[in-house]
Amino acid sequence: MAKSLCIIGLGYIGLPTACTFAANGVQVLGVDKNPSIITSLRSSRVHIQEPGLQEILDKAIMSGNLTVSETVQPCDAYLIAVPTPFHADKSADMSFVKAAAESIRPHLKPGNLVILEST
């Protein structure tokens, strides 16, 4: 199992995943480019409506295993959970995925795990 996990994108997929891993003993770095999301989470407040999420966030924070940041740091595993909206022509807008991939590139080393869970 990875000793540290970086989850990029703290929305409906990323935040519950980050909280669940942290509450169960994994060191998690949650990353989001939106400063208001980071501020909210640092104040122990969820920014999305999801039943039970506040409780799991509280548990994750109390465990000391969850930190949040606007920037990626070296970890053993990376999970990219950013949006993939559609253009008017129904093609996927991959800009968020590409930006997230570029943000982890300087930190990657052999043996790292990278998971793409675009939403």
PDB file of N, CA and C in Angstrom:
ATOM      1  N   MET A   1       0.845  -1.173   0.000  1.00  0.00           N
ATOM      2  CA  MET A   1       0.000   0.000   0.000  1.00  0.00           C
ATOM      3  C   MET A   1       0.892   1.238   0.000  1.00  0.00           C
ATOM      4  N   ALA A   2       0.422   2.271  -0.697  1.00  0.00           N
ATOM      5  CA  ALA A   2       1.159   3.527  -0.759  1.00  0.00           C
ATOM      6  C   ALA A   2       1.238   4.156   0.633  1.00  0.00           C
ATOM      7  N   LYS A   3       2.381   4.734   0.931  1.00  0.00           N
ATOM      8  CA  LYS A   3       2.546   5.424   2.207  1.00  0.00           C
ATOM      9  C   LYS A   3       1.923   6.809   2.149  1.00  0.00           C
ATOM     10  N   SER A   4       1.942   7.419   0.955  1.00  0.00           N
ATOM     11  CA  SER A   4       1.358   8.749   0.793  1.00  0.00           C
ATOM     12  C   SER A   4       0.625   8.822  -0.533  1.00  0.00           C
ATOM     13  N   LEU A   5      -0.481   9.530  -0.500  1.00  0.00           N
ATOM     14  CA  LEU A   5      -1.356   9.640  -1.663  1.00  0.00           C
ATOM     15  C   LEU A   5      -1.697  11.106  -1.897  1.00  0.00           C
ATOM     16  N   CYS A   6      -1.516  11.551  -3.118  1.00  0.00           N
ATOM     17  CA  CYS A   6      -1.892  12.904  -3.513  1.00  0.00           C
ATOM     18  C   CYS A   6      -3.135  12.803  -4.384  1.00  0.00           C
ATOM     19  N   ILE A   7      -4.194  13.481  -3.986  1.00  0.00           N
ATOM     20  CA  ILE A   7      -5.423  13.493  -4.770  1.00  0.00           C
ATOM     21  C   ILE A   7      -5.616  14.902  -5.310  1.00  0.00           C
ATOM     22  N   ILE A   8      -5.646  15.003  -6.628  1.00  0.00           N
ATOM     23  CA  ILE A   8      -5.763  16.292  -7.293  1.00  0.00           C
ATOM     24  C   ILE A   8      -7.202  16.464  -7.746  1.00  0.00           C
ATOM     25  N   GLY A   9      -7.848  17.489  -7.214  1.00  0.00           N
ATOM     26  CA  GLY A   9      -9.255  17.741  -7.486  1.00  0.00           C
ATOM     27  C   GLY A   9     -10.072  17.305  -6.286  1.00  0.00           C
ATOM     28  N   LEU A  10     -10.600  18.266  -5.542  1.00  0.00           N
ATOM     29  CA  LEU A  10     -11.318  17.947  -4.303  1.00  0.00           C
ATOM     30  C   LEU A  10     -12.808  18.233  -4.453  1.00  0.00           C
ATOM     31  N   GLY A  11     -13.394  17.635  -5.480  1.00  0.00           N
ATOM     32  CA  GLY A  11     -14.822  17.755  -5.719  1.00  0.00           C
ATOM     33  C   GLY A  11     -15.548  16.500  -5.268  1.00  0.00           C
ATOM     34  N   TYR A  12     -16.598  16.144  -5.998  1.00  0.00           N
ATOM     35  CA  TYR A  12     -17.472  15.031  -5.603  1.00  0.00           C
ATOM     36  C   TYR A  12     -16.798  13.664  -5.605  1.00  0.00           C
ATOM     37  N   ILE A  13     -15.730  13.504  -6.363  1.00  0.00           N
ATOM     38  CA  ILE A  13     -14.969  12.246  -6.353  1.00  0.00           C
ATOM     39  C   ILE A  13     -13.750  12.373  -5.447  1.00  0.00           C
ATOM     40  N   GLY A  14     -12.963  13.419  -5.645  1.00  0.00           N
ATOM     41  CA  GLY A  14     -11.698  13.567  -4.946  1.00  0.00           C
ATOM     42  C   GLY A  14     -11.814  13.742  -3.447  1.00  0.00           C
ATOM     43  N   LEU A  15     -12.731  14.598  -2.993  1.00  0.00           N
ATOM     44  CA  LEU A  15     -12.817  14.862  -1.556  1.00  0.00           C
ATOM     45  C   LEU A  15     -13.268  13.638  -0.758  1.00  0.00           C
ATOM     46  N   PRO A  16     -14.350  12.967  -1.139  1.00  0.00           N
ATOM     47  CA  PRO A  16     -14.712  11.768  -0.365  1.00  0.00           C
ATOM     48  C   PRO A  16     -13.621  10.694  -0.397  1.00  0.00           C
ATOM     49  N   THR A  17     -12.939  10.568  -1.522  1.00  0.00           N
ATOM     50  CA  THR A  17     -11.859   9.586  -1.623  1.00  0.00           C
ATOM     51  C   THR A  17     -10.712   9.965  -0.696  1.00  0.00           C
ATOM     52  N   ALA A  18     -10.331  11.240  -0.707  1.00  0.00           N
ATOM     53  CA  ALA A  18      -9.250  11.714   0.162  1.00  0.00           C
ATOM     54  C   ALA A  18      -9.594  11.483   1.636  1.00  0.00           C
ATOM     55  N   CYS A  19     -10.805  11.842   2.007  1.00  0.00           N
ATOM     56  CA  CYS A  19     -11.226  11.690   3.401  1.00  0.00           C
ATOM     57  C   CYS A  19     -11.254  10.232   3.829  1.00  0.00           C
ATOM     58  N   THR A  20     -11.732   9.361   2.968  1.00  0.00           N
ATOM     59  CA  THR A  20     -11.830   7.938   3.297  1.00  0.00           C
ATOM     60  C   THR A  20     -10.449   7.325   3.489  1.00  0.00           C
ATOM     61  N   PHE A  21      -9.530   7.612   2.566  1.00  0.00           N
ATOM     62  CA  PHE A  21      -8.173   7.091   2.725  1.00  0.00           C
ATOM     63  C   PHE A  21      -7.526   7.631   3.993  1.00  0.00           C
ATOM     64  N   ALA A  22      -7.644   8.945   4.226  1.00  0.00           N
ATOM     65  CA  ALA A  22      -7.021   9.560   5.408  1.00  0.00           C
ATOM     66  C   ALA A  22      -7.603   9.001   6.702  1.00  0.00           C
ATOM     67  N   ALA A  23      -8.913   8.846   6.745  1.00  0.00           N
ATOM     68  CA  ALA A  23      -9.563   8.324   7.953  1.00  0.00           C
ATOM     69  C   ALA A  23      -9.173   6.881   8.241  1.00  0.00           C
ATOM     70  N   ASN A  24      -8.627   6.215   7.215  1.00  0.00           N
ATOM     71  CA  ASN A  24      -8.227   4.820   7.381  1.00  0.00           C
ATOM     72  C   ASN A  24      -6.712   4.626   7.364  1.00  0.00           C
ATOM     73  N   GLY A  25      -5.976   5.682   7.728  1.00  0.00           N
ATOM     74  CA  GLY A  25      -4.555   5.531   7.997  1.00  0.00           C
ATOM     75  C   GLY A  25      -3.576   5.902   6.905  1.00  0.00           C
ATOM     76  N   VAL A  26      -4.032   6.374   5.764  1.00  0.00           N
ATOM     77  CA  VAL A  26      -3.117   6.761   4.685  1.00  0.00           C
ATOM     78  C   VAL A  26      -2.837   8.257   4.777  1.00  0.00           C
ATOM     79  N   GLN A  27      -1.575   8.635   4.626  1.00  0.00           N
ATOM     80  CA  GLN A  27      -1.205  10.051   4.558  1.00  0.00           C
ATOM     81  C   GLN A  27      -1.686  10.600   3.215  1.00  0.00           C
ATOM     82  N   VAL A  28      -2.608  11.571   3.251  1.00  0.00           N
ATOM     83  CA  VAL A  28      -3.213  12.103   2.030  1.00  0.00           C
ATOM     84  C   VAL A  28      -2.945  13.596   1.925  1.00  0.00           C
ATOM     85  N   LEU A  29      -2.515  13.995   0.727  1.00  0.00           N
ATOM     86  CA  LEU A  29      -2.418  15.405   0.370  1.00  0.00           C
ATOM     87  C   LEU A  29      -3.515  15.669  -0.641  1.00  0.00           C
ATOM     88  N   GLY A  30      -4.486  16.485  -0.274  1.00  0.00           N
ATOM     89  CA  GLY A  30      -5.551  16.876  -1.186  1.00  0.00           C
ATOM     90  C   GLY A  30      -5.182  18.188  -1.842  1.00  0.00           C
ATOM     91  N   VAL A  31      -5.241  18.224  -3.169  1.00  0.00           N
ATOM     92  CA  VAL A  31      -4.827  19.412  -3.910  1.00  0.00           C
ATOM     93  C   VAL A  31      -5.985  19.929  -4.742  1.00  0.00           C
ATOM     94  N   ASP A  32      -6.195  21.236  -4.673  1.00  0.00           N
ATOM     95  CA  ASP A  32      -7.182  21.883  -5.531  1.00  0.00           C
ATOM     96  C   ASP A  32      -6.677  23.284  -5.847  1.00  0.00           C
ATOM     97  N   LYS A  33      -6.911  23.726  -7.062  1.00  0.00           N
ATOM     98  CA  LYS A  33      -6.456  25.053  -7.494  1.00  0.00           C
ATOM     99  C   LYS A  33      -7.363  26.169  -6.993  1.00  0.00           C
ATOM    100  N   ASN A  34      -8.536  25.823  -6.480  1.00  0.00           N
ATOM    101  CA  ASN A  34      -9.489  26.827  -6.018  1.00  0.00           C
ATOM    102  C   ASN A  34      -9.176  27.196  -4.562  1.00  0.00           C
ATOM    103  N   PRO A  35      -8.677  28.430  -4.318  1.00  0.00           N
ATOM    104  CA  PRO A  35      -8.308  28.799  -2.949  1.00  0.00           C
ATOM    105  C   PRO A  35      -9.468  28.768  -1.964  1.00  0.00           C
ATOM    106  N   SER A  36     -10.696  29.024  -2.423  1.00  0.00           N
ATOM    107  CA  SER A  36     -11.826  28.996  -1.488  1.00  0.00           C
ATOM    108  C   SER A  36     -12.112  27.574  -1.004  1.00  0.00           C
ATOM    109  N   ILE A  37     -11.867  26.589  -1.845  1.00  0.00           N
ATOM    110  CA  ILE A  37     -12.029  25.187  -1.429  1.00  0.00           C
ATOM    111  C   ILE A  37     -10.990  24.850  -0.363  1.00  0.00           C
ATOM    112  N   ILE A  38      -9.759  25.245  -0.590  1.00  0.00           N
ATOM    113  CA  ILE A  38      -8.694  24.976   0.372  1.00  0.00           C
ATOM    114  C   ILE A  38      -8.994  25.660   1.705  1.00  0.00           C
ATOM    115  N   THR A  39      -9.418  26.914   1.651  1.00  0.00           N
ATOM    116  CA  THR A  39      -9.759  27.657   2.869  1.00  0.00           C
ATOM    117  C   THR A  39     -10.889  26.975   3.629  1.00  0.00           C
ATOM    118  N   SER A  40     -11.920  26.560   2.916  1.00  0.00           N
ATOM    119  CA  SER A  40     -13.056  25.885   3.528  1.00  0.00           C
ATOM    120  C   SER A  40     -12.620  24.596   4.218  1.00  0.00           C
ATOM    121  N   LEU A  41     -11.832  23.785   3.520  1.00  0.00           N
ATOM    122  CA  LEU A  41     -11.404  22.509   4.086  1.00  0.00           C
ATOM    123  C   LEU A  41     -10.467  22.708   5.271  1.00  0.00           C
ATOM    124  N   ARG A  42      -9.626  23.718   5.211  1.00  0.00           N
ATOM    125  CA  ARG A  42      -8.741  24.002   6.350  1.00  0.00           C
ATOM    126  C   ARG A  42      -9.534  24.439   7.575  1.00  0.00           C
ATOM    127  N   SER A  43     -10.755  24.928   7.345  1.00  0.00           N
ATOM    128  CA  SER A  43     -11.652  25.298   8.442  1.00  0.00           C
ATOM    129  C   SER A  43     -12.605  24.164   8.790  1.00  0.00           C
ATOM    130  N   SER A  44     -12.320  22.972   8.270  1.00  0.00           N
ATOM    131  CA  SER A  44     -13.121  21.767   8.528  1.00  0.00           C
ATOM    132  C   SER A  44     -14.551  21.895   8.020  1.00  0.00           C
ATOM    133  N   ARG A  45     -14.736  22.579   6.894  1.00  0.00           N
ATOM    134  CA  ARG A  45     -16.067  22.723   6.293  1.00  0.00           C
ATOM    135  C   ARG A  45     -16.067  22.150   4.884  1.00  0.00           C
ATOM    136  N   VAL A  46     -17.017  21.274   4.611  1.00  0.00           N
ATOM    137  CA  VAL A  46     -17.152  20.758   3.251  1.00  0.00           C
ATOM    138  C   VAL A  46     -17.798  21.820   2.375  1.00  0.00           C
ATOM    139  N   HIS A  47     -17.462  21.800   1.108  1.00  0.00           N
ATOM    140  CA  HIS A  47     -17.968  22.793   0.160  1.00  0.00           C
ATOM    141  C   HIS A  47     -18.952  22.190  -0.847  1.00  0.00           C
ATOM    142  N   ILE A  48     -19.247  20.917  -0.668  1.00  0.00           N
ATOM    143  CA  ILE A  48     -20.188  20.222  -1.543  1.00  0.00           C
ATOM    144  C   ILE A  48     -21.211  19.492  -0.678  1.00  0.00           C
ATOM    145  N   GLN A  49     -22.356  19.208  -1.256  1.00  0.00           N
ATOM    146  CA  GLN A  49     -23.398  18.473  -0.533  1.00  0.00           C
ATOM    147  C   GLN A  49     -23.255  16.983  -0.817  1.00  0.00           C
ATOM    148  N   GLU A  50     -22.923  16.250   0.207  1.00  0.00           N
ATOM    149  CA  GLU A  50     -22.780  14.800   0.096  1.00  0.00           C
ATOM    150  C   GLU A  50     -23.094  14.220   1.470  1.00  0.00           C
ATOM    151  N   PRO A  51     -24.145  13.396   1.577  1.00  0.00           N
ATOM    152  CA  PRO A  51     -24.510  12.847   2.885  1.00  0.00           C
ATOM    153  C   PRO A  51     -23.335  12.148   3.569  1.00  0.00           C
ATOM    154  N   GLY A  52     -23.092  12.507   4.815  1.00  0.00           N
ATOM    155  CA  GLY A  52     -22.055  11.869   5.614  1.00  0.00           C
ATOM    156  C   GLY A  52     -20.642  12.412   5.386  1.00  0.00           C
ATOM    157  N   LEU A  53     -20.472  13.301   4.417  1.00  0.00           N
ATOM    158  CA  LEU A  53     -19.125  13.774   4.091  1.00  0.00           C
ATOM    159  C   LEU A  53     -18.522  14.614   5.208  1.00  0.00           C
ATOM    160  N   GLN A  54     -19.313  15.444   5.853  1.00  0.00           N
ATOM    161  CA  GLN A  54     -18.771  16.265   6.943  1.00  0.00           C
ATOM    162  C   GLN A  54     -18.190  15.384   8.036  1.00  0.00           C
ATOM    163  N   GLU A  55     -18.872  14.294   8.362  1.00  0.00           N
ATOM    164  CA  GLU A  55     -18.396  13.403   9.415  1.00  0.00           C
ATOM    165  C   GLU A  55     -17.085  12.730   9.028  1.00  0.00           C
ATOM    166  N   ILE A  56     -16.982  12.287   7.778  1.00  0.00           N
ATOM    167  CA  ILE A  56     -15.743  11.622   7.359  1.00  0.00           C
ATOM    168  C   ILE A  56     -14.611  12.634   7.222  1.00  0.00           C
ATOM    169  N   LEU A  57     -14.933  13.885   6.844  1.00  0.00           N
ATOM    170  CA  LEU A  57     -13.918  14.945   6.823  1.00  0.00           C
ATOM    171  C   LEU A  57     -13.403  15.198   8.235  1.00  0.00           C
ATOM    172  N   ASP A  58     -14.312  15.286   9.191  1.00  0.00           N
ATOM    173  CA  ASP A  58     -13.911  15.503  10.585  1.00  0.00           C
ATOM    174  C   ASP A  58     -12.992  14.383  11.067  1.00  0.00           C
ATOM    175  N   LYS A  59     -13.337  13.144  10.736  1.00  0.00           N
ATOM    176  CA  LYS A  59     -12.519  11.999  11.141  1.00  0.00           C
ATOM    177  C   LYS A  59     -11.144  12.057  10.474  1.00  0.00           C
ATOM    178  N   ALA A  60     -11.117  12.420   9.201  1.00  0.00           N
ATOM    179  CA  ALA A  60      -9.848  12.505   8.469  1.00  0.00           C
ATOM    180  C   ALA A  60      -8.948  13.584   9.066  1.00  0.00           C
ATOM    181  N   ILE A  61      -9.529  14.726   9.383  1.00  0.00           N
ATOM    182  CA  ILE A  61      -8.747  15.817   9.964  1.00  0.00           C
ATOM    183  C   ILE A  61      -8.243  15.430  11.350  1.00  0.00           C
ATOM    184  N   MET A  62      -9.117  14.841  12.162  1.00  0.00           N
ATOM    185  CA  MET A  62      -8.717  14.431  13.515  1.00  0.00           C
ATOM    186  C   MET A  62      -7.612  13.377  13.489  1.00  0.00           C
ATOM    187  N   SER A  63      -7.573  12.555  12.439  1.00  0.00           N
ATOM    188  CA  SER A  63      -6.543  11.527  12.333  1.00  0.00           C
ATOM    189  C   SER A  63      -5.160  12.126  12.078  1.00  0.00           C
ATOM    190  N   GLY A  64      -5.143  13.359  11.567  1.00  0.00           N
ATOM    191  CA  GLY A  64      -3.865  13.982  11.223  1.00  0.00           C
ATOM    192  C   GLY A  64      -3.306  13.522   9.896  1.00  0.00           C
ATOM    193  N   ASN A  65      -4.064  12.703   9.173  1.00  0.00           N
ATOM    194  CA  ASN A  65      -3.587  12.153   7.905  1.00  0.00           C
ATOM    195  C   ASN A  65      -3.979  12.961   6.677  1.00  0.00           C
ATOM    196  N   LEU A  66      -4.802  13.978   6.833  1.00  0.00           N
ATOM    197  CA  LEU A  66      -5.252  14.763   5.681  1.00  0.00           C
ATOM    198  C   LEU A  66      -4.697  16.175   5.761  1.00  0.00           C
ATOM    199  N   THR A  67      -4.002  16.571   4.713  1.00  0.00           N
ATOM    200  CA  THR A  67      -3.603  17.960   4.541  1.00  0.00           C
ATOM    201  C   THR A  67      -4.102  18.406   3.172  1.00  0.00           C
ATOM    202  N   VAL A  68      -4.344  19.703   3.038  1.00  0.00           N
ATOM    203  CA  VAL A  68      -4.812  20.235   1.761  1.00  0.00           C
ATOM    204  C   VAL A  68      -3.898  21.369   1.324  1.00  0.00           C
ATOM    205  N   SER A  69      -3.786  21.535   0.009  1.00  0.00           N
ATOM    206  CA  SER A  69      -2.874  22.522  -0.543  1.00  0.00           C
ATOM    207  C   SER A  69      -3.316  22.890  -1.956  1.00  0.00           C
ATOM    208  N   GLU A  70      -2.806  24.000  -2.439  1.00  0.00           N
ATOM    209  CA  GLU A  70      -3.024  24.391  -3.831  1.00  0.00           C
ATOM    210  C   GLU A  70      -1.927  23.849  -4.736  1.00  0.00           C
ATOM    211  N   THR A  71      -0.905  23.230  -4.143  1.00  0.00           N
ATOM    212  CA  THR A  71       0.212  22.733  -4.948  1.00  0.00           C
ATOM    213  C   THR A  71       0.520  21.273  -4.634  1.00  0.00           C
ATOM    214  N   VAL A  72       0.952  20.578  -5.656  1.00  0.00           N
ATOM    215  CA  VAL A  72       1.330  19.164  -5.544  1.00  0.00           C
ATOM    216  C   VAL A  72       2.684  19.055  -4.864  1.00  0.00           C
ATOM    217  N   GLN A  73       2.843  18.005  -4.074  1.00  0.00           N
ATOM    218  CA  GLN A  73       4.112  17.679  -3.441  1.00  0.00           C
ATOM    219  C   GLN A  73       4.408  16.212  -3.719  1.00  0.00           C
ATOM    220  N   PRO A  74       5.656  15.792  -3.572  1.00  0.00           N
ATOM    221  CA  PRO A  74       5.986  14.391  -3.848  1.00  0.00           C
ATOM    222  C   PRO A  74       5.196  13.428  -2.955  1.00  0.00           C
ATOM    223  N   CYS A  75       4.657  12.389  -3.574  1.00  0.00           N
ATOM    224  CA  CYS A  75       3.930  11.326  -2.876  1.00  0.00           C
ATOM    225  C   CYS A  75       4.246  10.003  -3.559  1.00  0.00           C
ATOM    226  N   ASP A  76       3.773   8.913  -2.971  1.00  0.00           N
ATOM    227  CA  ASP A  76       3.977   7.589  -3.556  1.00  0.00           C
ATOM    228  C   ASP A  76       2.967   7.282  -4.654  1.00  0.00           C
ATOM    229  N   ALA A  77       1.781   7.844  -4.526  1.00  0.00           N
ATOM    230  CA  ALA A  77       0.714   7.599  -5.499  1.00  0.00           C
ATOM    231  C   ALA A  77      -0.038   8.899  -5.748  1.00  0.00           C
ATOM    232  N   TYR A  78      -0.595   9.003  -6.951  1.00  0.00           N
ATOM    233  CA  TYR A  78      -1.336  10.197  -7.357  1.00  0.00           C
ATOM    234  C   TYR A  78      -2.656   9.773  -7.972  1.00  0.00           C
ATOM    235  N   LEU A  79      -3.724  10.416  -7.550  1.00  0.00           N
ATOM    236  CA  LEU A  79      -5.036  10.174  -8.131  1.00  0.00           C
ATOM    237  C   LEU A  79      -5.537  11.506  -8.685  1.00  0.00           C
ATOM    238  N   ILE A  80      -5.769  11.531  -9.985  1.00  0.00           N
ATOM    239  CA  ILE A  80      -6.267  12.734 -10.647  1.00  0.00           C
ATOM    240  C   ILE A  80      -7.777  12.610 -10.759  1.00  0.00           C
ATOM    241  N   ALA A  81      -8.491  13.514 -10.081  1.00  0.00           N
ATOM    242  CA  ALA A  81      -9.964  13.490 -10.054  1.00  0.00           C
ATOM    243  C   ALA A  81     -10.487  14.874 -10.406  1.00  0.00           C
ATOM    244  N   VAL A  82     -10.205  15.277 -11.633  1.00  0.00           N
ATOM    245  CA  VAL A  82     -10.597  16.605 -12.101  1.00  0.00           C
ATOM    246  C   VAL A  82     -11.707  16.480 -13.147  1.00  0.00           C
ATOM    247  N   PRO A  83     -12.435  17.565 -13.391  1.00  0.00           N
ATOM    248  CA  PRO A  83     -13.530  17.494 -14.358  1.00  0.00           C
ATOM    249  C   PRO A  83     -13.045  17.324 -15.795  1.00  0.00           C
ATOM    250  N   THR A  84     -13.883  16.719 -16.590  1.00  0.00           N
ATOM    251  CA  THR A  84     -13.664  16.601 -18.035  1.00  0.00           C
ATOM    252  C   THR A  84     -14.942  17.054 -18.731  1.00  0.00           C
ATOM    253  N   PRO A  85     -15.158  18.375 -18.771  1.00  0.00           N
ATOM    254  CA  PRO A  85     -16.385  18.877 -19.397  1.00  0.00           C
ATOM    255  C   PRO A  85     -16.360  18.675 -20.918  1.00  0.00           C
ATOM    256  N   PHE A  86     -17.497  18.879 -21.522  1.00  0.00           N
ATOM    257  CA  PHE A  86     -17.612  18.742 -22.975  1.00  0.00           C
ATOM    258  C   PHE A  86     -17.643  20.107 -23.639  1.00  0.00           C
ATOM    259  N   HIS A  87     -17.026  20.160 -24.827  1.00  0.00           N
ATOM    260  CA  HIS A  87     -17.133  21.339 -25.687  1.00  0.00           C
ATOM    261  C   HIS A  87     -18.492  21.301 -26.381  1.00  0.00           C
ATOM    262  N   ALA A  88     -18.836  22.382 -27.075  1.00  0.00           N
ATOM    263  CA  ALA A  88     -20.101  22.451 -27.809  1.00  0.00           C
ATOM    264  C   ALA A  88     -20.229  21.331 -28.838  1.00  0.00           C
ATOM    265  N   ASP A  89     -19.094  20.899 -29.406  1.00  0.00           N
ATOM    266  CA  ASP A  89     -19.130  19.826 -30.407  1.00  0.00           C
ATOM    267  C   ASP A  89     -19.130  18.433 -29.779  1.00  0.00           C
ATOM    268  N   LYS A  90     -19.288  18.374 -28.446  1.00  0.00           N
ATOM    269  CA  LYS A  90     -19.360  17.144 -27.665  1.00  0.00           C
ATOM    270  C   LYS A  90     -18.018  16.414 -27.519  1.00  0.00           C
ATOM    271  N   SER A  91     -16.915  17.067 -27.883  1.00  0.00           N
ATOM    272  CA  SER A  91     -15.600  16.492 -27.624  1.00  0.00           C
ATOM    273  C   SER A  91     -15.205  16.864 -26.191  1.00  0.00           C
ATOM    274  N   ALA A  92     -14.381  16.041 -25.596  1.00  0.00           N
ATOM    275  CA  ALA A  92     -13.976  16.253 -24.207  1.00  0.00           C
ATOM    276  C   ALA A  92     -12.953  17.374 -24.099  1.00  0.00           C
ATOM    277  N   ASP A  93     -13.134  18.212 -23.099  1.00  0.00           N
ATOM    278  CA  ASP A  93     -12.153  19.251 -22.771  1.00  0.00           C
ATOM    279  C   ASP A  93     -11.140  18.616 -21.822  1.00  0.00           C
ATOM    280  N   MET A  94      -9.978  18.319 -22.326  1.00  0.00           N
ATOM    281  CA  MET A  94      -8.952  17.626 -21.545  1.00  0.00           C
ATOM    282  C   MET A  94      -8.007  18.586 -20.820  1.00  0.00           C
ATOM    283  N   SER A  95      -8.306  19.870 -20.830  1.00  0.00           N
ATOM    284  CA  SER A  95      -7.376  20.854 -20.256  1.00  0.00           C
ATOM    285  C   SER A  95      -7.129  20.638 -18.765  1.00  0.00           C
ATOM    286  N   PHE A  96      -8.155  20.271 -18.010  1.00  0.00           N
ATOM    287  CA  PHE A  96      -7.961  20.046 -16.574  1.00  0.00           C
ATOM    288  C   PHE A  96      -7.101  18.802 -16.322  1.00  0.00           C
ATOM    289  N   VAL A  97      -7.321  17.764 -17.104  1.00  0.00           N
ATOM    290  CA  VAL A  97      -6.532  16.533 -16.980  1.00  0.00           C
ATOM    291  C   VAL A  97      -5.075  16.817 -17.334  1.00  0.00           C
ATOM    292  N   LYS A  98      -4.864  17.543 -18.426  1.00  0.00           N
ATOM    293  CA  LYS A  98      -3.493  17.871 -18.842  1.00  0.00           C
ATOM    294  C   LYS A  98      -2.787  18.722 -17.794  1.00  0.00           C
ATOM    295  N   ALA A  99      -3.484  19.699 -17.238  1.00  0.00           N
ATOM    296  CA  ALA A  99      -2.880  20.552 -16.210  1.00  0.00           C
ATOM    297  C   ALA A  99      -2.512  19.739 -14.965  1.00  0.00           C
ATOM    298  N   ALA A 100      -3.393  18.829 -14.564  1.00  0.00           N
ATOM    299  CA  ALA A 100      -3.108  17.982 -13.394  1.00  0.00           C
ATOM    300  C   ALA A 100      -1.915  17.076 -13.662  1.00  0.00           C
ATOM    301  N   ALA A 101      -1.858  16.496 -14.859  1.00  0.00           N
ATOM    302  CA  ALA A 101      -0.733  15.627 -15.215  1.00  0.00           C
ATOM    303  C   ALA A 101       0.577  16.412 -15.212  1.00  0.00           C
ATOM    304  N   GLU A 102       0.545  17.613 -15.740  1.00  0.00           N
ATOM    305  CA  GLU A 102       1.751  18.452 -15.742  1.00  0.00           C
ATOM    306  C   GLU A 102       2.172  18.808 -14.320  1.00  0.00           C
ATOM    307  N   SER A 103       1.212  18.971 -13.402  1.00  0.00           N
ATOM    308  CA  SER A 103       1.555  19.349 -12.031  1.00  0.00           C
ATOM    309  C   SER A 103       2.259  18.225 -11.277  1.00  0.00           C
ATOM    310  N   ILE A 104       1.995  16.975 -11.643  1.00  0.00           N
ATOM    311  CA  ILE A 104       2.663  15.869 -10.950  1.00  0.00           C
ATOM    312  C   ILE A 104       3.959  15.449 -11.641  1.00  0.00           C
ATOM    313  N   ARG A 105       4.113  15.797 -12.904  1.00  0.00           N
ATOM    314  CA  ARG A 105       5.268  15.344 -13.677  1.00  0.00           C
ATOM    315  C   ARG A 105       6.607  15.600 -12.983  1.00  0.00           C
ATOM    316  N   PRO A 106       6.848  16.787 -12.421  1.00  0.00           N
ATOM    317  CA  PRO A 106       8.160  17.006 -11.786  1.00  0.00           C
ATOM    318  C   PRO A 106       8.413  16.124 -10.557  1.00  0.00           C
ATOM    319  N   HIS A 107       7.370  15.535 -10.011  1.00  0.00           N
ATOM    320  CA  HIS A 107       7.504  14.754  -8.782  1.00  0.00           C
ATOM    321  C   HIS A 107       7.541  13.246  -9.024  1.00  0.00           C
ATOM    322  N   LEU A 108       7.270  12.817 -10.243  1.00  0.00           N
ATOM    323  CA  LEU A 108       7.188  11.381 -10.514  1.00  0.00           C
ATOM    324  C   LEU A 108       8.551  10.715 -10.471  1.00  0.00           C
ATOM    325  N   LYS A 109       8.559   9.500  -9.915  1.00  0.00           N
ATOM    326  CA  LYS A 109       9.769   8.687  -9.880  1.00  0.00           C
ATOM    327  C   LYS A 109       9.360   7.228 -10.101  1.00  0.00           C
ATOM    328  N   PRO A 110      10.300   6.381 -10.469  1.00  0.00           N
ATOM    329  CA  PRO A 110       9.956   4.975 -10.697  1.00  0.00           C
ATOM    330  C   PRO A 110       9.240   4.373  -9.493  1.00  0.00           C
ATOM    331  N   GLY A 111       8.208   3.625  -9.774  1.00  0.00           N
ATOM    332  CA  GLY A 111       7.433   2.965  -8.729  1.00  0.00           C
ATOM    333  C   GLY A 111       6.209   3.726  -8.277  1.00  0.00           C
ATOM    334  N   ASN A 112       6.068   4.987  -8.693  1.00  0.00           N
ATOM    335  CA  ASN A 112       4.853   5.741  -8.357  1.00  0.00           C
ATOM    336  C   ASN A 112       3.655   5.168  -9.090  1.00  0.00           C
ATOM    337  N   LEU A 113       2.517   5.277  -8.471  1.00  0.00           N
ATOM    338  CA  LEU A 113       1.249   4.870  -9.079  1.00  0.00           C
ATOM    339  C   LEU A 113       0.487   6.140  -9.454  1.00  0.00           C
ATOM    340  N   VAL A 114      -0.041   6.183 -10.682  1.00  0.00           N
ATOM    341  CA  VAL A 114      -0.856   7.318 -11.130  1.00  0.00           C
ATOM    342  C   VAL A 114      -2.187   6.757 -11.615  1.00  0.00           C
ATOM    343  N   ILE A 115      -3.277   7.301 -11.048  1.00  0.00           N
ATOM    344  CA  ILE A 115      -4.623   6.867 -11.420  1.00  0.00           C
ATOM    345  C   ILE A 115      -5.367   8.076 -11.965  1.00  0.00           C
ATOM    346  N   LEU A 116      -5.982   7.909 -13.123  1.00  0.00           N
ATOM    347  CA  LEU A 116      -6.807   8.971 -13.707  1.00  0.00           C
ATOM    348  C   LEU A 116      -8.263   8.604 -13.525  1.00  0.00           C
ATOM    349  N   GLU A 117      -8.973   9.410 -12.748  1.00  0.00           N
ATOM    350  CA  GLU A 117     -10.404   9.215 -12.508  1.00  0.00           C
ATOM    351  C   GLU A 117     -11.080  10.533 -12.856  1.00  0.00           C
ATOM    352  N   SER A 118     -11.061  10.867 -14.146  1.00  0.00           N
ATOM    353  CA  SER A 118     -11.664  12.138 -14.539  1.00  0.00           C
ATOM    354  C   SER A 118     -13.178  12.010 -14.414  1.00  0.00           C
ATOM    355  N   THR A 119     -13.810  13.131 -14.063  1.00  0.00           N
ATOM    356  CA  THR A 119     -15.242  13.089 -13.777  1.00  0.00           C
ATOM    357  C   THR A 119     -16.041  13.893 -14.785  1.00  0.00           C
TER     358      THR A 119
END
